[in-house]
């Protein structure tokens, strides 16, 4: 099993229910592709180091994921790039 950390930032101008729905949709994408989300950290709204798409704040989430192959990670990456609700994401493979 390969381990990954996925951090993504959701637009701050969404309501709380929509923010949680975006995170749940991304989690279900990972699970539907046969990977396991071992931990979800909702880090809350924080100020960005620099302005992204005219946003100065963002709502941060951190997923710890275990995956047999990279299909779920690739799909998460693809959907994050398409989504207008996610302003930035980062995927890091964690070495054992």
C-alpha atoms as a PDB file:
ATOM      1  CA  UNK A   1       0.000   0.000   0.000  1.00  0.00           C
ATOM      2  CA  UNK A   2       1.228   3.442  -0.921  1.00  0.00           C
ATOM      3  CA  UNK A   3       0.428   6.306   1.418  1.00  0.00           C
ATOM      4  CA  UNK A   4      -0.442   9.826   0.344  1.00  0.00           C
ATOM      5  CA  UNK A   5      -1.273  13.132   1.969  1.00  0.00           C
ATOM      6  CA  UNK A   6      -3.698  15.285   0.034  1.00  0.00           C
ATOM      7  CA  UNK A   7      -4.288  18.882   1.050  1.00  0.00           C
ATOM      8  CA  UNK A   8      -6.787  21.060  -0.730  1.00  0.00           C
ATOM      9  CA  UNK A   9      -8.230  24.530  -0.241  1.00  0.00           C
ATOM     10  CA  UNK A  10     -11.913  25.258  -0.830  1.00  0.00           C
ATOM     11  CA  UNK A  11     -13.203  28.713  -1.781  1.00  0.00           C
ATOM     12  CA  UNK A  12     -14.169  30.706   1.339  1.00  0.00           C
ATOM     13  CA  UNK A  13     -17.265  32.328  -0.205  1.00  0.00           C
ATOM     14  CA  UNK A  14     -19.276  29.075  -0.100  1.00  0.00           C
ATOM     15  CA  UNK A  15     -21.634  28.367   2.786  1.00  0.00           C
ATOM     16  CA  UNK A  16     -20.609  25.794   5.381  1.00  0.00           C
ATOM     17  CA  UNK A  17     -22.834  23.022   3.998  1.00  0.00           C
ATOM     18  CA  UNK A  18     -21.371  23.477   0.506  1.00  0.00           C
ATOM     19  CA  UNK A  19     -17.815  23.393   1.833  1.00  0.00           C
ATOM     20  CA  UNK A  20     -18.485  20.118   3.642  1.00  0.00           C
ATOM     21  CA  UNK A  21     -20.188  18.735   0.510  1.00  0.00           C
ATOM     22  CA  UNK A  22     -17.112  19.506  -1.612  1.00  0.00           C
ATOM     23  CA  UNK A  23     -14.901  17.648   0.894  1.00  0.00           C
ATOM     24  CA  UNK A  24     -17.328  14.701   1.029  1.00  0.00           C
ATOM     25  CA  UNK A  25     -17.448  14.510  -2.781  1.00  0.00           C
ATOM     26  CA  UNK A  26     -13.662  14.408  -2.978  1.00  0.00           C
ATOM     27  CA  UNK A  27     -13.507  11.739  -0.264  1.00  0.00           C
ATOM     28  CA  UNK A  28     -16.079   9.594  -2.077  1.00  0.00           C
ATOM     29  CA  UNK A  29     -14.056   9.924  -5.300  1.00  0.00           C
ATOM     30  CA  UNK A  30     -11.051   8.392  -3.551  1.00  0.00           C
ATOM     31  CA  UNK A  31     -13.114   5.612  -1.956  1.00  0.00           C
ATOM     32  CA  UNK A  32     -14.946   4.789  -5.203  1.00  0.00           C
ATOM     33  CA  UNK A  33     -11.620   4.113  -6.901  1.00  0.00           C
ATOM     34  CA  UNK A  34     -10.691   1.471  -4.328  1.00  0.00           C
ATOM     35  CA  UNK A  35      -8.497   3.476  -1.990  1.00  0.00           C
ATOM     36  CA  UNK A  36      -8.949   4.101   1.711  1.00  0.00           C
ATOM     37  CA  UNK A  37      -9.089   7.475   3.453  1.00  0.00           C
ATOM     38  CA  UNK A  38      -7.493   6.779   6.833  1.00  0.00           C
ATOM     39  CA  UNK A  39      -7.803  10.269   8.305  1.00  0.00           C
ATOM     40  CA  UNK A  40      -9.615  13.502   7.495  1.00  0.00           C
ATOM     41  CA  UNK A  41      -8.500  16.744   9.114  1.00  0.00           C
ATOM     42  CA  UNK A  42     -10.728  19.743   8.693  1.00  0.00           C
ATOM     43  CA  UNK A  43      -8.295  22.549   9.381  1.00  0.00           C
ATOM     44  CA  UNK A  44     -10.785  25.364   9.015  1.00  0.00           C
ATOM     45  CA  UNK A  45     -10.533  28.749   7.368  1.00  0.00           C
ATOM     46  CA  UNK A  46      -7.068  30.266   7.218  1.00  0.00           C
ATOM     47  CA  UNK A  47      -5.402  33.202   5.575  1.00  0.00           C
ATOM     48  CA  UNK A  48      -3.482  32.329   2.418  1.00  0.00           C
ATOM     49  CA  UNK A  49       0.194  33.226   2.117  1.00  0.00           C
ATOM     50  CA  UNK A  50      -0.622  34.964  -1.160  1.00  0.00           C
ATOM     51  CA  UNK A  51      -3.775  35.790  -3.068  1.00  0.00           C
ATOM     52  CA  UNK A  52      -5.152  32.983  -5.262  1.00  0.00           C
ATOM     53  CA  UNK A  53      -7.875  33.846  -7.791  1.00  0.00           C
ATOM     54  CA  UNK A  54      -8.644  37.015  -5.801  1.00  0.00           C
ATOM     55  CA  UNK A  55      -9.188  35.012  -2.569  1.00  0.00           C
ATOM     56  CA  UNK A  56      -7.216  35.939   0.534  1.00  0.00           C
ATOM     57  CA  UNK A  57      -8.623  33.113   2.705  1.00  0.00           C
ATOM     58  CA  UNK A  58      -9.439  29.474   2.125  1.00  0.00           C
ATOM     59  CA  UNK A  59     -10.945  26.499   3.894  1.00  0.00           C
ATOM     60  CA  UNK A  60      -8.277  23.796   4.342  1.00  0.00           C
ATOM     61  CA  UNK A  61      -8.708  20.004   4.364  1.00  0.00           C
ATOM     62  CA  UNK A  62      -6.079  17.273   4.767  1.00  0.00           C
ATOM     63  CA  UNK A  63      -6.714  13.643   3.758  1.00  0.00           C
ATOM     64  CA  UNK A  64      -4.393  10.740   4.589  1.00  0.00           C
ATOM     65  CA  UNK A  65      -4.931   8.061   1.949  1.00  0.00           C
ATOM     66  CA  UNK A  66      -3.783   4.474   1.425  1.00  0.00           C
ATOM     67  CA  UNK A  67      -3.906   3.264  -2.167  1.00  0.00           C
ATOM     68  CA  UNK A  68      -2.892   0.088  -4.009  1.00  0.00           C
ATOM     69  CA  UNK A  69      -2.402   1.985  -7.271  1.00  0.00           C
ATOM     70  CA  UNK A  70      -2.494   5.619  -8.297  1.00  0.00           C
ATOM     71  CA  UNK A  71      -5.886   5.573 -10.054  1.00  0.00           C
ATOM     72  CA  UNK A  72      -7.754   7.237  -7.173  1.00  0.00           C
ATOM     73  CA  UNK A  73      -5.011   9.838  -6.777  1.00  0.00           C
ATOM     74  CA  UNK A  74      -5.026  10.633 -10.495  1.00  0.00           C
ATOM     75  CA  UNK A  75      -8.806  10.992 -10.477  1.00  0.00           C
ATOM     76  CA  UNK A  76      -8.674  13.284  -7.430  1.00  0.00           C
ATOM     77  CA  UNK A  77      -6.058  15.400  -9.197  1.00  0.00           C
ATOM     78  CA  UNK A  78      -8.152  15.574 -12.373  1.00  0.00           C
ATOM     79  CA  UNK A  79     -11.333  16.562 -10.540  1.00  0.00           C
ATOM     80  CA  UNK A  80      -9.495  19.133  -8.406  1.00  0.00           C
ATOM     81  CA  UNK A  81      -8.176  20.845 -11.502  1.00  0.00           C
ATOM     82  CA  UNK A  82     -11.667  20.969 -13.029  1.00  0.00           C
ATOM     83  CA  UNK A  83     -13.558  22.054  -9.898  1.00  0.00           C
ATOM     84  CA  UNK A  84     -14.215  25.753  -9.445  1.00  0.00           C
ATOM     85  CA  UNK A  85     -14.735  25.195  -5.697  1.00  0.00           C
ATOM     86  CA  UNK A  86     -11.152  24.028  -5.066  1.00  0.00           C
ATOM     87  CA  UNK A  87      -8.676  26.865  -5.475  1.00  0.00           C
ATOM     88  CA  UNK A  88      -5.501  24.838  -4.820  1.00  0.00           C
ATOM     89  CA  UNK A  89      -4.483  21.250  -4.015  1.00  0.00           C
ATOM     90  CA  UNK A  90      -1.312  19.339  -3.249  1.00  0.00           C
ATOM     91  CA  UNK A  91      -0.676  15.584  -3.321  1.00  0.00           C
ATOM     92  CA  UNK A  92       2.397  14.166  -1.582  1.00  0.00           C
ATOM     93  CA  UNK A  93       3.471  10.537  -1.433  1.00  0.00           C
ATOM     94  CA  UNK A  94       4.528   9.638   2.115  1.00  0.00           C
ATOM     95  CA  UNK A  95       7.536   7.338   2.402  1.00  0.00           C
ATOM     96  CA  UNK A  96       7.308   4.539   4.935  1.00  0.00           C
END
